[in-house]
Amino acid sequence: MVDHKHYTYRVTWSEDDGEYVALCAEFPSLSYLAPEQTAALKGLIKLVGEVVADMSANGEQVPVPLASREFSGKFQVRIPPEQHRNLAIQAAEQGVSINRLVSSKLA
């Protein structure tokens, strides 16, 4: 069974609600509001734990935590040909590959 504490959590202030909202990247439909940051996080961790237990009990596929997933370091992006040309020019001018140029821009 997946450890629900290994998911990716974050807490941010919600101006609309006037409280902190906790979110989980692996469960984008879930959130938890509380007046204190720690209470919002603890509430969501508990809620996610309940959801994971329920999903497991019903034979549903439980999301794998992002921290446990393997990433290849590769992804493809489609861009307009003119943008591709401009990147190729920039890379050539800097004496680097397009991959290295785009990687540095993303960093």
N, C-alpha and C. Protein backbone atom coordinates (compact mmCIF):
# COMPACT_ATOMS: atom_id res chain seq x y z
N MET A 1 0.85 -1.19 0.00
CA MET A 1 0.00 0.00 0.00
C MET A 1 0.89 1.25 0.00
N VAL A 2 0.43 2.26 -0.69
CA VAL A 2 1.17 3.52 -0.79
C VAL A 2 1.11 4.28 0.53
N ASP A 3 2.25 4.83 0.93
CA ASP A 3 2.29 5.67 2.14
C ASP A 3 1.82 7.06 1.75
N HIS A 4 0.66 7.46 2.26
CA HIS A 4 0.05 8.74 1.88
C HIS A 4 0.88 9.95 2.31
N LYS A 5 1.85 9.76 3.18
CA LYS A 5 2.70 10.87 3.60
C LYS A 5 3.80 11.17 2.58
N HIS A 6 3.95 10.30 1.56
CA HIS A 6 4.99 10.49 0.56
C HIS A 6 4.52 11.32 -0.63
N TYR A 7 3.28 11.76 -0.62
CA TYR A 7 2.77 12.58 -1.71
C TYR A 7 3.35 14.00 -1.65
N THR A 8 3.09 14.76 -2.71
CA THR A 8 3.62 16.11 -2.84
C THR A 8 2.58 17.12 -2.34
N TYR A 9 2.85 17.71 -1.22
CA TYR A 9 1.92 18.65 -0.60
C TYR A 9 2.47 20.07 -0.65
N ARG A 10 1.56 21.03 -0.68
CA ARG A 10 1.95 22.43 -0.51
C ARG A 10 0.81 23.19 0.14
N VAL A 11 1.16 24.25 0.81
CA VAL A 11 0.17 25.08 1.51
C VAL A 11 0.36 26.51 1.04
N THR A 12 -0.74 27.16 0.72
CA THR A 12 -0.69 28.55 0.28
C THR A 12 -1.86 29.32 0.89
N TRP A 13 -1.73 30.61 0.94
CA TRP A 13 -2.79 31.46 1.46
C TRP A 13 -3.86 31.63 0.40
N SER A 14 -5.12 31.52 0.78
CA SER A 14 -6.25 31.78 -0.12
C SER A 14 -6.89 33.09 0.28
N GLU A 15 -6.66 34.10 -0.53
CA GLU A 15 -7.24 35.42 -0.25
C GLU A 15 -8.77 35.34 -0.28
N ASP A 16 -9.32 34.57 -1.22
CA ASP A 16 -10.78 34.44 -1.34
C ASP A 16 -11.40 33.82 -0.10
N ASP A 17 -10.73 32.83 0.47
CA ASP A 17 -11.28 32.13 1.64
C ASP A 17 -10.83 32.72 2.97
N GLY A 18 -9.75 33.51 2.93
CA GLY A 18 -9.22 34.08 4.16
C GLY A 18 -8.59 33.04 5.07
N GLU A 19 -8.13 31.94 4.45
CA GLU A 19 -7.51 30.85 5.19
C GLU A 19 -6.40 30.25 4.34
N TYR A 20 -5.64 29.35 4.95
CA TYR A 20 -4.63 28.61 4.22
C TYR A 20 -5.30 27.42 3.54
N VAL A 21 -4.85 27.13 2.34
CA VAL A 21 -5.37 25.97 1.61
C VAL A 21 -4.21 25.03 1.33
N ALA A 22 -4.40 23.77 1.68
CA ALA A 22 -3.41 22.73 1.42
C ALA A 22 -3.83 21.98 0.17
N LEU A 23 -2.85 21.66 -0.67
CA LEU A 23 -3.10 20.99 -1.94
C LEU A 23 -2.15 19.79 -2.07
N CYS A 24 -2.55 18.83 -2.88
CA CYS A 24 -1.73 17.65 -3.14
C CYS A 24 -1.65 17.46 -4.65
N ALA A 25 -0.43 17.46 -5.19
CA ALA A 25 -0.24 17.37 -6.65
C ALA A 25 -0.83 16.09 -7.22
N GLU A 26 -0.73 14.99 -6.51
CA GLU A 26 -1.22 13.71 -7.01
C GLU A 26 -2.74 13.57 -6.92
N PHE A 27 -3.37 14.42 -6.13
CA PHE A 27 -4.82 14.43 -5.98
C PHE A 27 -5.33 15.86 -6.18
N PRO A 28 -5.34 16.36 -7.42
CA PRO A 28 -5.68 17.76 -7.67
C PRO A 28 -7.11 18.15 -7.30
N SER A 29 -7.99 17.18 -7.12
CA SER A 29 -9.37 17.51 -6.76
C SER A 29 -9.55 17.70 -5.25
N LEU A 30 -8.52 17.39 -4.47
CA LEU A 30 -8.63 17.52 -3.01
C LEU A 30 -7.94 18.79 -2.52
N SER A 31 -8.53 19.38 -1.49
CA SER A 31 -7.91 20.53 -0.82
C SER A 31 -8.44 20.56 0.61
N TYR A 32 -7.77 21.34 1.45
CA TYR A 32 -8.18 21.44 2.85
C TYR A 32 -7.90 22.86 3.33
N LEU A 33 -8.92 23.51 3.85
CA LEU A 33 -8.80 24.88 4.36
C LEU A 33 -8.68 24.88 5.88
N ALA A 34 -7.85 25.78 6.39
CA ALA A 34 -7.70 25.94 7.83
C ALA A 34 -7.10 27.32 8.11
N PRO A 35 -7.33 27.87 9.30
CA PRO A 35 -6.79 29.19 9.62
C PRO A 35 -5.28 29.20 9.84
N GLU A 36 -4.69 28.04 10.10
CA GLU A 36 -3.24 27.94 10.31
C GLU A 36 -2.63 27.02 9.25
N GLN A 37 -1.40 27.34 8.83
CA GLN A 37 -0.71 26.54 7.82
C GLN A 37 -0.59 25.08 8.23
N THR A 38 -0.12 24.85 9.43
CA THR A 38 0.11 23.47 9.87
C THR A 38 -1.20 22.69 9.97
N ALA A 39 -2.27 23.35 10.36
CA ALA A 39 -3.57 22.69 10.46
C ALA A 39 -4.07 22.30 9.06
N ALA A 40 -3.85 23.17 8.08
CA ALA A 40 -4.26 22.87 6.71
C ALA A 40 -3.49 21.66 6.19
N LEU A 41 -2.19 21.63 6.42
CA LEU A 41 -1.36 20.51 5.96
C LEU A 41 -1.76 19.21 6.65
N LYS A 42 -1.89 19.25 7.97
CA LYS A 42 -2.27 18.05 8.72
C LYS A 42 -3.64 17.54 8.28
N GLY A 43 -4.57 18.47 8.05
CA GLY A 43 -5.91 18.08 7.62
C GLY A 43 -5.90 17.40 6.26
N LEU A 44 -5.11 17.93 5.34
CA LEU A 44 -5.06 17.33 4.01
C LEU A 44 -4.35 15.98 4.04
N ILE A 45 -3.28 15.88 4.79
CA ILE A 45 -2.58 14.59 4.89
C ILE A 45 -3.53 13.52 5.42
N LYS A 46 -4.32 13.87 6.41
CA LYS A 46 -5.31 12.93 6.96
C LYS A 46 -6.35 12.57 5.90
N LEU A 47 -6.86 13.58 5.20
CA LEU A 47 -7.86 13.35 4.15
C LEU A 47 -7.31 12.45 3.05
N VAL A 48 -6.10 12.73 2.59
CA VAL A 48 -5.49 11.91 1.55
C VAL A 48 -5.33 10.47 2.05
N GLY A 49 -4.93 10.31 3.29
CA GLY A 49 -4.81 8.97 3.87
C GLY A 49 -6.14 8.22 3.82
N GLU A 50 -7.22 8.91 4.12
CA GLU A 50 -8.55 8.29 4.08
C GLU A 50 -8.94 7.93 2.65
N VAL A 51 -8.62 8.81 1.70
CA VAL A 51 -8.94 8.56 0.29
C VAL A 51 -8.13 7.36 -0.23
N VAL A 52 -6.84 7.31 0.10
CA VAL A 52 -5.99 6.20 -0.33
C VAL A 52 -6.51 4.88 0.26
N ALA A 53 -6.88 4.88 1.53
CA ALA A 53 -7.40 3.67 2.16
C ALA A 53 -8.70 3.23 1.48
N ASP A 54 -9.57 4.18 1.18
CA ASP A 54 -10.83 3.89 0.52
C ASP A 54 -10.59 3.33 -0.89
N MET A 55 -9.68 3.96 -1.63
CA MET A 55 -9.37 3.50 -2.98
C MET A 55 -8.80 2.08 -2.94
N SER A 56 -7.90 1.83 -2.01
CA SER A 56 -7.30 0.51 -1.87
C SER A 56 -8.35 -0.54 -1.52
N ALA A 57 -9.25 -0.20 -0.60
CA ALA A 57 -10.29 -1.13 -0.17
C ALA A 57 -11.25 -1.47 -1.32
N ASN A 58 -11.42 -0.53 -2.25
CA ASN A 58 -12.32 -0.74 -3.38
C ASN A 58 -11.61 -1.24 -4.63
N GLY A 59 -10.33 -1.57 -4.50
CA GLY A 59 -9.59 -2.10 -5.64
C GLY A 59 -9.25 -1.08 -6.71
N GLU A 60 -9.34 0.19 -6.36
CA GLU A 60 -9.02 1.25 -7.32
C GLU A 60 -7.51 1.47 -7.37
N GLN A 61 -7.04 1.95 -8.51
CA GLN A 61 -5.61 2.23 -8.65
C GLN A 61 -5.27 3.52 -7.89
N VAL A 62 -4.33 3.42 -6.97
CA VAL A 62 -3.89 4.55 -6.16
C VAL A 62 -2.70 5.21 -6.86
N PRO A 63 -2.72 6.55 -7.00
CA PRO A 63 -1.60 7.23 -7.67
C PRO A 63 -0.27 6.97 -6.96
N VAL A 64 0.78 6.81 -7.75
CA VAL A 64 2.12 6.65 -7.21
C VAL A 64 2.64 8.04 -6.85
N PRO A 65 3.22 8.22 -5.67
CA PRO A 65 3.77 9.53 -5.31
C PRO A 65 4.83 9.99 -6.32
N LEU A 66 4.85 11.27 -6.64
CA LEU A 66 5.84 11.80 -7.56
C LEU A 66 7.25 11.49 -7.11
N ALA A 67 7.49 11.51 -5.82
CA ALA A 67 8.82 11.24 -5.28
C ALA A 67 9.27 9.81 -5.54
N SER A 68 8.34 8.90 -5.78
CA SER A 68 8.67 7.49 -6.01
C SER A 68 8.77 7.14 -7.49
N ARG A 69 8.36 8.05 -8.35
CA ARG A 69 8.37 7.77 -9.79
C ARG A 69 9.77 7.94 -10.37
N GLU A 70 10.03 7.17 -11.42
CA GLU A 70 11.28 7.28 -12.15
C GLU A 70 11.07 8.26 -13.31
N PHE A 71 12.00 9.17 -13.50
CA PHE A 71 11.93 10.12 -14.60
C PHE A 71 13.15 9.93 -15.49
N SER A 72 12.93 9.95 -16.80
CA SER A 72 14.01 9.70 -17.75
C SER A 72 14.88 10.93 -17.97
N GLY A 73 14.34 12.11 -17.69
CA GLY A 73 15.07 13.33 -17.98
C GLY A 73 14.80 13.81 -19.39
N LYS A 74 13.88 13.14 -20.08
CA LYS A 74 13.53 13.52 -21.46
C LYS A 74 12.04 13.83 -21.54
N PHE A 75 11.71 14.84 -22.32
CA PHE A 75 10.32 15.09 -22.68
C PHE A 75 10.32 15.86 -23.99
N GLN A 76 9.26 15.71 -24.75
CA GLN A 76 9.17 16.39 -26.04
C GLN A 76 8.22 17.56 -25.93
N VAL A 77 8.56 18.60 -26.66
CA VAL A 77 7.74 19.80 -26.69
C VAL A 77 7.57 20.21 -28.14
N ARG A 78 6.37 20.53 -28.52
CA ARG A 78 6.13 21.01 -29.88
C ARG A 78 6.08 22.53 -29.83
N ILE A 79 6.85 23.14 -30.71
CA ILE A 79 6.90 24.60 -30.79
C ILE A 79 6.78 25.00 -32.26
N PRO A 80 6.39 26.23 -32.51
CA PRO A 80 6.30 26.69 -33.90
C PRO A 80 7.68 26.65 -34.57
N PRO A 81 7.72 26.36 -35.88
CA PRO A 81 8.99 26.28 -36.60
C PRO A 81 9.87 27.53 -36.44
N GLU A 82 9.26 28.70 -36.41
CA GLU A 82 10.04 29.94 -36.27
C GLU A 82 10.74 29.99 -34.92
N GLN A 83 10.05 29.55 -33.89
CA GLN A 83 10.66 29.51 -32.56
C GLN A 83 11.80 28.50 -32.53
N HIS A 84 11.63 27.37 -33.19
CA HIS A 84 12.68 26.36 -33.29
C HIS A 84 13.91 26.95 -33.98
N ARG A 85 13.67 27.67 -35.06
CA ARG A 85 14.76 28.32 -35.79
C ARG A 85 15.50 29.32 -34.89
N ASN A 86 14.74 30.12 -34.17
CA ASN A 86 15.35 31.13 -33.28
C ASN A 86 16.20 30.46 -32.20
N LEU A 87 15.72 29.36 -31.65
CA LEU A 87 16.49 28.64 -30.64
C LEU A 87 17.77 28.05 -31.25
N ALA A 88 17.65 27.53 -32.46
CA ALA A 88 18.83 26.98 -33.13
C ALA A 88 19.88 28.06 -33.37
N ILE A 89 19.42 29.25 -33.73
CA ILE A 89 20.34 30.37 -33.95
C ILE A 89 21.02 30.76 -32.64
N GLN A 90 20.23 30.90 -31.58
CA GLN A 90 20.78 31.26 -30.27
C GLN A 90 21.81 30.23 -29.82
N ALA A 91 21.47 28.94 -30.00
CA ALA A 91 22.38 27.88 -29.58
C ALA A 91 23.68 27.94 -30.38
N ALA A 92 23.56 28.14 -31.68
CA ALA A 92 24.76 28.23 -32.53
C ALA A 92 25.62 29.41 -32.11
N GLU A 93 24.99 30.54 -31.84
CA GLU A 93 25.75 31.74 -31.43
C GLU A 93 26.46 31.53 -30.10
N GLN A 94 25.87 30.72 -29.23
CA GLN A 94 26.48 30.46 -27.92
C GLN A 94 27.39 29.24 -27.93
N GLY A 95 27.40 28.53 -29.06
CA GLY A 95 28.26 27.35 -29.18
C GLY A 95 27.81 26.18 -28.33
N VAL A 96 26.51 26.06 -28.14
CA VAL A 96 25.95 24.95 -27.35
C VAL A 96 24.85 24.26 -28.17
N SER A 97 24.42 23.10 -27.71
CA SER A 97 23.32 22.40 -28.37
C SER A 97 21.99 23.08 -28.00
N ILE A 98 20.99 22.84 -28.84
CA ILE A 98 19.65 23.37 -28.52
C ILE A 98 19.19 22.79 -27.17
N ASN A 99 19.47 21.52 -26.95
CA ASN A 99 19.09 20.88 -25.69
C ASN A 99 19.68 21.62 -24.50
N ARG A 100 20.96 21.94 -24.56
CA ARG A 100 21.62 22.63 -23.46
C ARG A 100 21.03 24.04 -23.29
N LEU A 101 20.77 24.73 -24.41
CA LEU A 101 20.20 26.07 -24.36
C LEU A 101 18.82 26.06 -23.68
N VAL A 102 17.96 25.15 -24.13
CA VAL A 102 16.60 25.08 -23.59
C VAL A 102 16.65 24.64 -22.13
N SER A 103 17.50 23.70 -21.80
CA SER A 103 17.64 23.25 -20.42
C SER A 103 18.04 24.42 -19.50
N SER A 104 18.96 25.24 -19.96
CA SER A 104 19.38 26.39 -19.14
C SER A 104 18.26 27.42 -19.03
N LYS A 105 17.46 27.56 -20.07
CA LYS A 105 16.34 28.51 -20.00
C LYS A 105 15.27 28.02 -19.03
N LEU A 106 15.07 26.70 -18.98
CA LEU A 106 14.09 26.13 -18.07
C LEU A 106 14.53 26.20 -16.61
N ALA A 107 15.84 26.16 -16.42
CA ALA A 107 16.37 26.21 -15.05
C ALA A 107 16.19 27.60 -14.51
